[in-house]
Amino acid sequence: MNQFSEIKRSLENAQKVAVVGHIMPDGDCISSVVSAGLGLERLGKEVRMIVDYEIPWYYFEFDVVKRIERAEILNEWTPDVILVLDASSPDRVGQVENFLDRAPVLVVDHHATNHAFGNYNWVDTGFGATAQMVLRLNRALGVTYDAELALYNFMGIATDTGFFRYSNSDVKVFEDAAELVRLGANPNVVASTILENKKPEQLRLFCEMVHNLKIECDGLLAYSAIPWRSFEVLGLSEADAGGFVGEIRSIHGVEVAILFSESKDGDIHVSMRSKSWFDLTGTAVHFGGGGHPRAAGFTVKAGEATLEEVVQRTVEYIKPQLKRRTGEVS
């Protein structure tokens, strides 16, 4: 659904804009929120940037991320419009969902599973990252880029393409990345901050994840689970397991990788990745989630099932699909 013109006009006419990202924020979410937020501020708008979830600590090395607030700010501040970025459904914006009836909602996203829950929606799966869509929106609004804004916008493209390793790294991705580098973005700063910034405790957690690793379906399926007590003992949060599922996918011969992690409040978060041919969107939607063919996930709320039950249900759902595929190939 492409209502780009309506979204542009709504932002032009608004004075106060809430720019909102999704829970369990990744680099594309954070990049999109701060890039759109700063862009709108440069046009004279009053902006509050909101992500109603813990942000991975290393993103705070980018000063602007310290300005991101939680949903509570909407109790005392009412925007003219709410711009929701990189979120496929209302439940993905945390407690902000309770405020979506307070102002027109503008949705900009690249997930095929998007529910088009905004008053106006621009959803395009042809983009490797929502940050690319923000770049186009900022251009259309007349935002002037400097090195700082270019860096923040580049971050989303780099992270959502796995630093240009994933199948969504098409010509358009490289063209947009090159434009932002020309405008002053430094790829090394992004790569170093995201990829080379580990705590020693994270490596211990990684060791436990590997210890719990299981490989099935003739090596096509690999998965591991991390209970909350493991985070707690090491003084870590779920955000510190970011990237682990990608390491599982990197195992030779693995097509589907899954990481199950338990949050402090008892929710079970399931992150899934596939390497070349398995479409994860059906699995994600089946369990109430969403995402892309090669990267998707879902959440099971506290009390609905134990970590062990979620692992069993998910694996039992995926294994027959993998077996059918191997049967076809053989």
C-alpha atoms as a PDB file:
ATOM      1  CA  MET A   1       0.000   0.000   0.000  1.00  0.00           C
ATOM      2  CA  ASN A   2       1.497   3.317  -1.074  1.00  0.00           C
ATOM      3  CA  GLN A   3      -0.018   6.430   0.490  1.00  0.00           C
ATOM      4  CA  PHE A   4       3.283   8.298   0.435  1.00  0.00           C
ATOM      5  CA  SER A   5       1.694  11.561  -0.714  1.00  0.00           C
ATOM      6  CA  GLU A   6      -0.857  11.541   2.095  1.00  0.00           C
ATOM      7  CA  ILE A   7       1.863  10.833   4.665  1.00  0.00           C
ATOM      8  CA  LYS A   8       4.038  13.630   3.307  1.00  0.00           C
ATOM      9  CA  ARG A   9       1.135  16.079   3.381  1.00  0.00           C
ATOM     10  CA  SER A  10       0.154  15.062   6.919  1.00  0.00           C
ATOM     11  CA  LEU A  11       3.696  15.654   8.162  1.00  0.00           C
ATOM     12  CA  GLU A  12       3.914  18.989   6.381  1.00  0.00           C
ATOM     13  CA  ASN A  13       0.687  20.151   8.037  1.00  0.00           C
ATOM     14  CA  ALA A  14       1.565  18.889  11.524  1.00  0.00           C
ATOM     15  CA  GLN A  15       3.474  20.899  14.099  1.00  0.00           C
ATOM     16  CA  LYS A  16       3.861  18.219  16.795  1.00  0.00           C
ATOM     17  CA  VAL A  17       4.972  14.748  15.660  1.00  0.00           C
ATOM     18  CA  ALA A  18       5.523  11.582  17.668  1.00  0.00           C
ATOM     19  CA  VAL A  19       8.017   9.349  15.844  1.00  0.00           C
ATOM     20  CA  VAL A  20       7.607   5.776  17.080  1.00  0.00           C
ATOM     21  CA  GLY A  21       9.593   2.569  16.623  1.00  0.00           C
ATOM     22  CA  HIS A  22       8.940  -1.032  17.619  1.00  0.00           C
ATOM     23  CA  ILE A  23       9.645  -3.091  20.701  1.00  0.00           C
ATOM     24  CA  MET A  24      12.865  -5.132  20.770  1.00  0.00           C
ATOM     25  CA  PRO A  25      14.428  -2.385  18.626  1.00  0.00           C
ATOM     26  CA  ASP A  26      17.116  -3.219  16.109  1.00  0.00           C
ATOM     27  CA  GLY A  27      19.383  -0.934  14.143  1.00  0.00           C
ATOM     28  CA  ASP A  28      16.828  -0.194  11.440  1.00  0.00           C
ATOM     29  CA  CYS A  29      14.204   0.770  14.010  1.00  0.00           C
ATOM     30  CA  ILE A  30      16.538   3.076  15.923  1.00  0.00           C
ATOM     31  CA  SER A  31      18.009   4.544  12.753  1.00  0.00           C
ATOM     32  CA  SER A  32      14.589   5.221  11.250  1.00  0.00           C
ATOM     33  CA  VAL A  33      13.264   6.877  14.412  1.00  0.00           C
ATOM     34  CA  VAL A  34      16.211   9.221  14.907  1.00  0.00           C
ATOM     35  CA  SER A  35      16.648   9.975  11.191  1.00  0.00           C
ATOM     36  CA  ALA A  36      12.985  10.892  10.755  1.00  0.00           C
ATOM     37  CA  GLY A  37      12.911  12.697  14.100  1.00  0.00           C
ATOM     38  CA  LEU A  38      15.933  14.861  13.381  1.00  0.00           C
ATOM     39  CA  GLY A  39      14.723  15.487   9.851  1.00  0.00           C
ATOM     40  CA  LEU A  40      11.364  16.766  11.062  1.00  0.00           C
ATOM     41  CA  GLU A  41      13.062  18.935  13.684  1.00  0.00           C
ATOM     42  CA  ARG A  42      15.131  20.567  10.977  1.00  0.00           C
ATOM     43  CA  LEU A  43      11.848  21.556   9.376  1.00  0.00           C
ATOM     44  CA  GLY A  44      10.798  23.324  12.597  1.00  0.00           C
ATOM     45  CA  LYS A  45       8.537  20.567  13.977  1.00  0.00           C
ATOM     46  CA  GLU A  46       8.213  19.707  17.662  1.00  0.00           C
ATOM     47  CA  VAL A  47       9.249  16.043  17.805  1.00  0.00           C
ATOM     48  CA  ARG A  48       9.311  13.336  20.466  1.00  0.00           C
ATOM     49  CA  MET A  49      11.084  10.116  19.522  1.00  0.00           C
ATOM     50  CA  ILE A  50       9.613   7.047  21.228  1.00  0.00           C
ATOM     51  CA  VAL A  51      10.642   3.394  21.519  1.00  0.00           C
ATOM     52  CA  ASP A  52       8.747   1.669  24.320  1.00  0.00           C
ATOM     53  CA  TYR A  53      11.390  -0.926  25.100  1.00  0.00           C
ATOM     54  CA  GLU A  54      14.931  -1.247  26.341  1.00  0.00           C
ATOM     55  CA  ILE A  55      17.437  -0.139  23.730  1.00  0.00           C
ATOM     56  CA  PRO A  56      20.694  -2.116  23.391  1.00  0.00           C
ATOM     57  CA  TRP A  57      23.341  -0.229  25.348  1.00  0.00           C
ATOM     58  CA  TYR A  58      25.835   0.249  22.531  1.00  0.00           C
ATOM     59  CA  TYR A  59      23.413   2.395  20.531  1.00  0.00           C
ATOM     60  CA  PHE A  60      23.737   5.050  23.223  1.00  0.00           C
ATOM     61  CA  GLU A  61      27.205   5.756  21.885  1.00  0.00           C
ATOM     62  CA  PHE A  62      25.247   7.752  19.308  1.00  0.00           C
ATOM     63  CA  ASP A  63      24.227  10.793  21.355  1.00  0.00           C
ATOM     64  CA  VAL A  64      20.849  11.305  19.692  1.00  0.00           C
ATOM     65  CA  VAL A  65      19.663   7.891  20.938  1.00  0.00           C
ATOM     66  CA  LYS A  66      19.693   9.286  24.478  1.00  0.00           C
ATOM     67  CA  ARG A  67      16.735  11.442  23.448  1.00  0.00           C
ATOM     68  CA  ILE A  68      14.478   8.462  22.731  1.00  0.00           C
ATOM     69  CA  GLU A  69      11.660   8.229  25.299  1.00  0.00           C
ATOM     70  CA  ARG A  70       9.144   5.630  26.469  1.00  0.00           C
ATOM     71  CA  ALA A  71       5.369   5.624  25.886  1.00  0.00           C
ATOM     72  CA  GLU A  72       4.648   7.413  29.200  1.00  0.00           C
ATOM     73  CA  ILE A  73       5.530  10.741  27.596  1.00  0.00           C
ATOM     74  CA  LEU A  74       2.231  10.568  25.693  1.00  0.00           C
ATOM     75  CA  ASN A  75       0.360  10.969  28.986  1.00  0.00           C
ATOM     76  CA  GLU A  76       1.524  14.583  29.124  1.00  0.00           C
ATOM     77  CA  TRP A  77       2.131  15.467  25.479  1.00  0.00           C
ATOM     78  CA  THR A  78      -0.336  15.160  22.611  1.00  0.00           C
ATOM     79  CA  PRO A  79       1.001  15.031  19.044  1.00  0.00           C
ATOM     80  CA  ASP A  80      -0.784  16.178  15.908  1.00  0.00           C
ATOM     81  CA  VAL A  81       0.244  12.958  14.147  1.00  0.00           C
ATOM     82  CA  ILE A  82       1.960   9.711  15.115  1.00  0.00           C
ATOM     83  CA  LEU A  83       4.547   8.445  12.639  1.00  0.00           C
ATOM     84  CA  VAL A  84       5.115   4.706  13.177  1.00  0.00           C
ATOM     85  CA  LEU A  85       8.246   3.289  11.565  1.00  0.00           C
ATOM     86  CA  ASP A  86       9.360  -0.304  10.912  1.00  0.00           C
ATOM     87  CA  ALA A  87       6.452  -1.815  12.902  1.00  0.00           C
ATOM     88  CA  SER A  88       4.127  -4.307  11.245  1.00  0.00           C
ATOM     89  CA  SER A  89       1.242  -4.267  13.748  1.00  0.00           C
ATOM     90  CA  PRO A  90      -0.079  -2.169  16.654  1.00  0.00           C
ATOM     91  CA  ASP A  91       1.143  -4.579  19.315  1.00  0.00           C
ATOM     92  CA  ARG A  92       4.696  -4.031  18.077  1.00  0.00           C
ATOM     93  CA  VAL A  93       4.801  -0.478  19.455  1.00  0.00           C
ATOM     94  CA  GLY A  94       4.415  -1.475  23.116  1.00  0.00           C
ATOM     95  CA  GLN A  95       2.258   0.767  25.290  1.00  0.00           C
ATOM     96  CA  VAL A  96       2.121   3.341  22.498  1.00  0.00           C
ATOM     97  CA  GLU A  97      -0.675   1.134  21.158  1.00  0.00           C
ATOM     98  CA  ASN A  98      -2.911   2.626  23.874  1.00  0.00           C
ATOM     99  CA  PHE A  99      -2.429   6.096  22.381  1.00  0.00           C
ATOM    100  CA  LEU A 100      -2.935   5.359  18.694  1.00  0.00           C
ATOM    101  CA  ASP A 101      -6.480   6.723  18.823  1.00  0.00           C
ATOM    102  CA  ARG A 102      -5.263  10.137  20.004  1.00  0.00           C
ATOM    103  CA  ALA A 103      -4.012  11.336  16.601  1.00  0.00           C
ATOM    104  CA  PRO A 104      -3.831  10.253  12.951  1.00  0.00           C
ATOM    105  CA  VAL A 105      -1.376   7.374  12.532  1.00  0.00           C
ATOM    106  CA  LEU A 106       1.085   7.288   9.631  1.00  0.00           C
ATOM    107  CA  VAL A 107       2.756   3.918   9.014  1.00  0.00           C
ATOM    108  CA  VAL A 108       5.998   3.536   7.058  1.00  0.00           C
ATOM    109  CA  ASP A 109       7.327  -0.021   6.886  1.00  0.00           C
ATOM    110  CA  HIS A 110       8.911  -2.648   4.629  1.00  0.00           C
ATOM    111  CA  HIS A 111       7.547  -5.850   6.203  1.00  0.00           C
ATOM    112  CA  ALA A 112       5.347  -8.061   4.035  1.00  0.00           C
ATOM    113  CA  THR A 113       3.309  -8.946   7.130  1.00  0.00           C
ATOM    114  CA  ASN A 114       2.328  -5.339   7.856  1.00  0.00           C
ATOM    115  CA  HIS A 115      -1.319  -4.977   8.942  1.00  0.00           C
ATOM    116  CA  ALA A 116      -1.736  -1.492   7.390  1.00  0.00           C
ATOM    117  CA  PHE A 117      -3.044  -0.236  10.732  1.00  0.00           C
ATOM    118  CA  GLY A 118      -2.469   3.449  10.088  1.00  0.00           C
ATOM    119  CA  ASN A 119      -4.805   6.110   8.799  1.00  0.00           C
ATOM    120  CA  TYR A 120      -2.279   6.326   5.971  1.00  0.00           C
ATOM    121  CA  ASN A 121       0.156   3.539   5.130  1.00  0.00           C
ATOM    122  CA  TRP A 122       3.263   3.329   3.001  1.00  0.00           C
ATOM    123  CA  VAL A 123       4.317  -0.306   2.994  1.00  0.00           C
ATOM    124  CA  ASP A 124       6.849  -1.459   0.418  1.00  0.00           C
ATOM    125  CA  THR A 125       8.681  -4.785   0.646  1.00  0.00           C
ATOM    126  CA  GLY A 126      10.995  -3.688  -2.151  1.00  0.00           C
ATOM    127  CA  PHE A 127      13.197  -1.878   0.366  1.00  0.00           C
ATOM    128  CA  GLY A 128      15.877  -3.705   2.303  1.00  0.00           C
ATOM    129  CA  ALA A 129      15.408  -1.361   5.273  1.00  0.00           C
ATOM    130  CA  THR A 130      12.825   1.119   6.510  1.00  0.00           C
ATOM    131  CA  ALA A 131      15.741   3.556   6.787  1.00  0.00           C
ATOM    132  CA  GLN A 132      15.738   3.720   2.983  1.00  0.00           C
ATOM    133  CA  MET A 133      12.115   4.817   3.067  1.00  0.00           C
ATOM    134  CA  VAL A 134      12.956   7.473   5.667  1.00  0.00           C
ATOM    135  CA  LEU A 135      15.677   8.747   3.344  1.00  0.00           C
ATOM    136  CA  ARG A 136      13.103   9.224   0.595  1.00  0.00           C
ATOM    137  CA  LEU A 137      10.593  10.811   2.966  1.00  0.00           C
ATOM    138  CA  ASN A 138      13.196  13.255   4.254  1.00  0.00           C
ATOM    139  CA  ARG A 139      14.187  14.125   0.692  1.00  0.00           C
ATOM    140  CA  ALA A 140      10.570  14.761  -0.299  1.00  0.00           C
ATOM    141  CA  LEU A 141      10.040  16.978   2.760  1.00  0.00           C
ATOM    142  CA  GLY A 142      13.110  19.042   1.889  1.00  0.00           C
ATOM    143  CA  VAL A 143      15.343  17.981   4.779  1.00  0.00           C
ATOM    144  CA  THR A 144      18.983  19.042   4.446  1.00  0.00           C
ATOM    145  CA  TYR A 145      21.484  16.306   5.291  1.00  0.00           C
ATOM    146  CA  ASP A 146      24.794  16.734   7.070  1.00  0.00           C
ATOM    147  CA  ALA A 147      27.322  14.088   8.165  1.00  0.00           C
ATOM    148  CA  GLU A 148      25.481  13.425  11.440  1.00  0.00           C
ATOM    149  CA  LEU A 149      22.099  12.753   9.874  1.00  0.00           C
ATOM    150  CA  ALA A 150      23.704  10.750   7.062  1.00  0.00           C
ATOM    151  CA  LEU A 151      25.445   8.537   9.643  1.00  0.00           C
ATOM    152  CA  TYR A 152      22.243   7.826  11.553  1.00  0.00           C
ATOM    153  CA  ASN A 153      20.353   7.056   8.342  1.00  0.00           C
ATOM    154  CA  PHE A 154      23.147   4.808   7.047  1.00  0.00           C
ATOM    155  CA  MET A 155      23.056   2.761  10.264  1.00  0.00           C
ATOM    156  CA  GLY A 156      19.618   1.323   9.496  1.00  0.00           C
ATOM    157  CA  ILE A 157      20.569   0.266   5.988  1.00  0.00           C
ATOM    158  CA  ALA A 158      23.793  -1.357   7.170  1.00  0.00           C
ATOM    159  CA  THR A 159      22.263  -3.293  10.056  1.00  0.00           C
ATOM    160  CA  ASP A 160      19.100  -4.535   8.325  1.00  0.00           C
ATOM    161  CA  THR A 161      21.135  -5.929   5.438  1.00  0.00           C
ATOM    162  CA  GLY A 162      23.584  -7.643   7.802  1.00  0.00           C
ATOM    163  CA  PHE A 163      26.211  -5.129   6.726  1.00  0.00           C
ATOM    164  CA  PHE A 164      25.399  -5.912   3.103  1.00  0.00           C
ATOM    165  CA  ARG A 165      25.588  -9.707   3.492  1.00  0.00           C
ATOM    166  CA  TYR A 166      21.875 -10.601   3.286  1.00  0.00           C
ATOM    167  CA  SER A 167      19.797 -11.287   0.193  1.00  0.00           C
ATOM    168  CA  ASN A 168      18.028  -7.925   0.536  1.00  0.00           C
ATOM    169  CA  SER A 169      21.288  -6.154  -0.405  1.00  0.00           C
ATOM    170  CA  ASP A 170      20.165  -5.112  -3.873  1.00  0.00           C
ATOM    171  CA  VAL A 171      21.272  -2.284  -6.155  1.00  0.00           C
ATOM    172  CA  LYS A 172      18.922   0.167  -4.459  1.00  0.00           C
ATOM    173  CA  VAL A 173      20.502  -0.612  -1.066  1.00  0.00           C
ATOM    174  CA  PHE A 174      24.011   0.087  -2.359  1.00  0.00           C
ATOM    175  CA  GLU A 175      22.910   3.241  -4.151  1.00  0.00           C
ATOM    176  CA  ASP A 176      21.288   4.625  -1.003  1.00  0.00           C
ATOM    177  CA  ALA A 177      24.264   3.641   1.137  1.00  0.00           C
ATOM    178  CA  ALA A 178      26.648   5.295  -1.324  1.00  0.00           C
ATOM    179  CA  GLU A 179      24.591   8.485  -1.305  1.00  0.00           C
ATOM    180  CA  LEU A 180      24.713   8.652   2.495  1.00  0.00           C
ATOM    181  CA  VAL A 181      28.468   8.035   2.499  1.00  0.00           C
ATOM    182  CA  ARG A 182      28.848  10.904   0.018  1.00  0.00           C
ATOM    183  CA  LEU A 183      26.857  13.038   2.463  1.00  0.00           C
ATOM    184  CA  GLY A 184      29.307  12.221   5.250  1.00  0.00           C
ATOM    185  CA  ALA A 185      28.312   8.881   6.813  1.00  0.00           C
ATOM    186  CA  ASN A 186      31.308   6.887   8.037  1.00  0.00           C
ATOM    187  CA  PRO A 187      30.647   3.135   7.619  1.00  0.00           C
ATOM    188  CA  ASN A 188      33.526   2.251   9.927  1.00  0.00           C
ATOM    189  CA  VAL A 189      31.918   4.103  12.854  1.00  0.00           C
ATOM    190  CA  VAL A 190      28.682   2.145  12.445  1.00  0.00           C
ATOM    191  CA  ALA A 191      30.419  -1.214  11.985  1.00  0.00           C
ATOM    192  CA  SER A 192      32.749  -0.707  14.940  1.00  0.00           C
ATOM    193  CA  THR A 193      29.974   0.433  17.281  1.00  0.00           C
ATOM    194  CA  ILE A 194      27.598  -2.393  16.405  1.00  0.00           C
ATOM    195  CA  LEU A 195      29.934  -5.300  15.716  1.00  0.00           C
ATOM    196  CA  GLU A 196      33.011  -4.682  17.853  1.00  0.00           C
ATOM    197  CA  ASN A 197      31.543  -3.594  21.150  1.00  0.00           C
ATOM    198  CA  LYS A 198      30.942  -6.744  23.206  1.00  0.00           C
ATOM    199  CA  LYS A 199      30.939  -7.105  26.983  1.00  0.00           C
ATOM    200  CA  PRO A 200      32.863 -10.065  28.432  1.00  0.00           C
ATOM    201  CA  GLU A 201      29.582 -11.241  29.972  1.00  0.00           C
ATOM    202  CA  GLN A 202      28.045 -11.435  26.504  1.00  0.00           C
ATOM    203  CA  LEU A 203      30.692 -13.928  25.466  1.00  0.00           C
ATOM    204  CA  ARG A 204      29.840 -16.046  28.511  1.00  0.00           C
ATOM    205  CA  LEU A 205      26.175 -15.892  27.517  1.00  0.00           C
ATOM    206  CA  PHE A 206      27.147 -16.871  23.994  1.00  0.00           C
ATOM    207  CA  CYS A 207      28.946 -19.912  25.379  1.00  0.00           C
ATOM    208  CA  GLU A 208      25.772 -20.957  27.200  1.00  0.00           C
ATOM    209  CA  MET A 209      23.738 -20.454  24.030  1.00  0.00           C
ATOM    210  CA  VAL A 210      26.143 -22.744  22.175  1.00  0.00           C
ATOM    211  CA  HIS A 211      25.998 -25.277  25.003  1.00  0.00           C
ATOM    212  CA  ASN A 212      22.177 -25.391  24.636  1.00  0.00           C
ATOM    213  CA  LEU A 213      22.358 -25.645  20.838  1.00  0.00           C
ATOM    214  CA  LYS A 214      20.442 -28.424  19.095  1.00  0.00           C
ATOM    215  CA  ILE A 215      20.762 -29.385  15.426  1.00  0.00           C
ATOM    216  CA  GLU A 216      18.101 -31.500  13.693  1.00  0.00           C
ATOM    217  CA  CYS A 217      16.644 -32.341  10.284  1.00  0.00           C
ATOM    218  CA  ASP A 218      19.950 -33.554   8.884  1.00  0.00           C
ATOM    219  CA  GLY A 219      21.600 -30.296   9.873  1.00  0.00           C
ATOM    220  CA  LEU A 220      19.015 -27.975   8.313  1.00  0.00           C
ATOM    221  CA  LEU A 221      17.532 -26.770  11.605  1.00  0.00           C
ATOM    222  CA  ALA A 222      19.527 -25.325  14.504  1.00  0.00           C
ATOM    223  CA  TYR A 223      18.100 -23.705  17.594  1.00  0.00           C
ATOM    224  CA  SER A 224      18.906 -22.713  21.140  1.00  0.00           C
ATOM    225  CA  ALA A 225      17.055 -21.290  24.148  1.00  0.00           C
ATOM    226  CA  ILE A 226      18.183 -18.861  26.821  1.00  0.00           C
ATOM    227  CA  PRO A 227      16.094 -18.679  30.029  1.00  0.00           C
ATOM    228  CA  TRP A 228      15.845 -15.414  31.928  1.00  0.00           C
ATOM    229  CA  ARG A 229      17.967 -16.722  34.800  1.00  0.00           C
ATOM    230  CA  SER A 230      20.954 -16.895  32.454  1.00  0.00           C
ATOM    231  CA  PHE A 231      20.662 -13.188  31.652  1.00  0.00           C
ATOM    232  CA  GLU A 232      20.081 -12.382  35.311  1.00  0.00           C
ATOM    233  CA  VAL A 233      23.116 -14.260  36.627  1.00  0.00           C
ATOM    234  CA  LEU A 234      25.398 -12.413  34.210  1.00  0.00           C
ATOM    235  CA  GLY A 235      23.769  -9.018  34.786  1.00  0.00           C
ATOM    236  CA  LEU A 236      22.590  -8.862  31.189  1.00  0.00           C
ATOM    237  CA  SER A 237      19.348  -8.147  29.357  1.00  0.00           C
ATOM    238  CA  GLU A 238      17.787  -9.727  26.294  1.00  0.00           C
ATOM    239  CA  ALA A 239      19.348  -7.008  24.176  1.00  0.00           C
ATOM    240  CA  ASP A 240      22.737  -8.533  24.935  1.00  0.00           C
ATOM    241  CA  ALA A 241      21.807 -11.614  22.911  1.00  0.00           C
ATOM    242  CA  GLY A 242      21.459  -9.507  19.786  1.00  0.00           C
ATOM    243  CA  GLY A 243      23.170 -11.195  16.862  1.00  0.00           C
ATOM    244  CA  PHE A 244      23.199 -14.658  18.409  1.00  0.00           C
ATOM    245  CA  VAL A 245      20.598 -15.993  16.001  1.00  0.00           C
ATOM    246  CA  GLY A 246      22.772 -14.870  13.112  1.00  0.00           C
ATOM    247  CA  GLU A 247      25.656 -16.862  14.528  1.00  0.00           C
ATOM    248  CA  ILE A 248      23.424 -19.943  14.632  1.00  0.00           C
ATOM    249  CA  ARG A 249      22.519 -19.385  10.977  1.00  0.00           C
ATOM    250  CA  SER A 250      26.215 -19.176  10.100  1.00  0.00           C
ATOM    251  CA  ILE A 251      26.685 -22.879  10.886  1.00  0.00           C
ATOM    252  CA  HIS A 252      27.543 -24.870   7.768  1.00  0.00           C
ATOM    253  CA  GLY A 253      24.498 -26.574   6.282  1.00  0.00           C
ATOM    254  CA  VAL A 254      21.930 -24.820   8.490  1.00  0.00           C
ATOM    255  CA  GLU A 255      18.943 -23.376   6.650  1.00  0.00           C
ATOM    256  CA  VAL A 256      16.753 -22.319   9.594  1.00  0.00           C
ATOM    257  CA  ALA A 257      18.123 -20.851  12.819  1.00  0.00           C
ATOM    258  CA  ILE A 258      16.003 -20.019  15.859  1.00  0.00           C
ATOM    259  CA  LEU A 259      16.821 -18.319  19.130  1.00  0.00           C
ATOM    260  CA  PHE A 260      14.312 -18.541  21.979  1.00  0.00           C
ATOM    261  CA  SER A 261      14.859 -16.064  24.808  1.00  0.00           C
ATOM    262  CA  GLU A 262      12.895 -15.427  27.974  1.00  0.00           C
ATOM    263  CA  SER A 263      12.428 -11.844  29.149  1.00  0.00           C
ATOM    264  CA  LYS A 264      12.405 -10.566  32.710  1.00  0.00           C
ATOM    265  CA  ASP A 265       8.592 -10.360  32.686  1.00  0.00           C
ATOM    266  CA  GLY A 266       8.232 -13.911  31.379  1.00  0.00           C
ATOM    267  CA  ASP A 267       7.520 -13.227  27.702  1.00  0.00           C
ATOM    268  CA  ILE A 268       9.145 -15.644  25.279  1.00  0.00           C
ATOM    269  CA  HIS A 269      10.720 -13.961  22.252  1.00  0.00           C
ATOM    270  CA  VAL A 270      11.430 -16.077  19.188  1.00  0.00           C
ATOM    271  CA  SER A 271      13.893 -14.806  16.569  1.00  0.00           C
ATOM    272  CA  MET A 272      14.157 -16.794  13.346  1.00  0.00           C
ATOM    273  CA  ARG A 273      16.537 -16.586  10.407  1.00  0.00           C
ATOM    274  CA  SER A 274      16.840 -18.611   7.219  1.00  0.00           C
ATOM    275  CA  LYS A 275      19.756 -18.799   4.829  1.00  0.00           C
ATOM    276  CA  SER A 276      18.545 -19.236   1.278  1.00  0.00           C
ATOM    277  CA  TRP A 277      15.154 -20.797   0.565  1.00  0.00           C
ATOM    278  CA  PHE A 278      12.944 -21.302   3.651  1.00  0.00           C
ATOM    279  CA  ASP A 279      10.229 -18.610   3.915  1.00  0.00           C
ATOM    280  CA  LEU A 280       9.773 -17.778   7.604  1.00  0.00           C
ATOM    281  CA  THR A 281       6.783 -15.470   7.242  1.00  0.00           C
ATOM    282  CA  GLY A 282       4.257 -18.306   7.370  1.00  0.00           C
ATOM    283  CA  THR A 283       5.699 -19.609  10.625  1.00  0.00           C
ATOM    284  CA  ALA A 284       5.812 -16.136  12.151  1.00  0.00           C
ATOM    285  CA  VAL A 285       2.210 -15.349  11.205  1.00  0.00           C
ATOM    286  CA  HIS A 286       1.037 -18.768  12.438  1.00  0.00           C
ATOM    287  CA  PHE A 287       2.308 -17.870  15.906  1.00  0.00           C
ATOM    288  CA  GLY A 288       1.043 -14.274  15.799  1.00  0.00           C
ATOM    289  CA  GLY A 289       4.194 -12.533  14.627  1.00  0.00           C
ATOM    290  CA  GLY A 290       5.623 -11.228  11.391  1.00  0.00           C
ATOM    291  CA  GLY A 291       8.716 -10.227   9.471  1.00  0.00           C
ATOM    292  CA  HIS A 292      10.514 -11.139   6.266  1.00  0.00           C
ATOM    293  CA  PRO A 293      11.114 -14.406   4.404  1.00  0.00           C
ATOM    294  CA  ARG A 294      14.661 -14.625   5.790  1.00  0.00           C
ATOM    295  CA  ALA A 295      14.169 -12.839   9.133  1.00  0.00           C
ATOM    296  CA  ALA A 296      11.033 -13.068  11.239  1.00  0.00           C
ATOM    297  CA  GLY A 297       9.828 -13.616  14.760  1.00  0.00           C
ATOM    298  CA  PHE A 298       7.030 -13.689  17.289  1.00  0.00           C
ATOM    299  CA  THR A 299       6.358 -13.282  20.994  1.00  0.00           C
ATOM    300  CA  VAL A 300       4.467 -15.550  23.379  1.00  0.00           C
ATOM    301  CA  LYS A 301       3.146 -13.598  26.339  1.00  0.00           C
ATOM    302  CA  ALA A 302       4.009 -14.556  29.897  1.00  0.00           C
ATOM    303  CA  GLY A 303       1.750 -17.263  31.270  1.00  0.00           C
ATOM    304  CA  GLU A 304       0.627 -18.554  27.877  1.00  0.00           C
ATOM    305  CA  ALA A 305       3.383 -21.166  27.669  1.00  0.00           C
ATOM    306  CA  THR A 306       6.722 -22.059  29.198  1.00  0.00           C
ATOM    307  CA  LEU A 307       9.994 -21.611  27.353  1.00  0.00           C
ATOM    308  CA  GLU A 308      10.212 -25.367  26.829  1.00  0.00           C
ATOM    309  CA  GLU A 309       6.677 -25.509  25.410  1.00  0.00           C
ATOM    310  CA  VAL A 310       7.351 -22.677  22.969  1.00  0.00           C
ATOM    311  CA  VAL A 311      10.509 -24.408  21.775  1.00  0.00           C
ATOM    312  CA  GLN A 312       8.663 -27.689  21.259  1.00  0.00           C
ATOM    313  CA  ARG A 313       5.699 -26.117  19.415  1.00  0.00           C
ATOM    314  CA  THR A 314       7.888 -24.081  17.103  1.00  0.00           C
ATOM    315  CA  VAL A 315      10.260 -26.903  16.247  1.00  0.00           C
ATOM    316  CA  GLU A 316       7.388 -29.328  15.661  1.00  0.00           C
ATOM    317  CA  TYR A 317       5.784 -26.799  13.298  1.00  0.00           C
ATOM    318  CA  ILE A 318       8.926 -26.208  11.238  1.00  0.00           C
ATOM    319  CA  LYS A 319      10.382 -29.718  11.037  1.00  0.00           C
ATOM    320  CA  PRO A 320       7.710 -31.207   8.724  1.00  0.00           C
ATOM    321  CA  GLN A 321       8.209 -28.318   6.303  1.00  0.00           C
ATOM    322  CA  LEU A 322      11.940 -28.914   6.191  1.00  0.00           C
ATOM    323  CA  LYS A 323      11.423 -32.648   5.763  1.00  0.00           C
ATOM    324  CA  ARG A 324       9.023 -32.076   2.863  1.00  0.00           C
ATOM    325  CA  ARG A 325      11.608 -29.902   1.183  1.00  0.00           C
ATOM    326  CA  THR A 326      14.419 -32.430   1.613  1.00  0.00           C
ATOM    327  CA  GLY A 327      12.064 -35.116   0.311  1.00  0.00           C
ATOM    328  CA  GLU A 328      11.409 -33.049  -2.797  1.00  0.00           C
ATOM    329  CA  VAL A 329      15.109 -32.424  -3.315  1.00  0.00           C
ATOM    330  CA  SER A 330      16.065 -36.054  -2.890  1.00  0.00           C
END
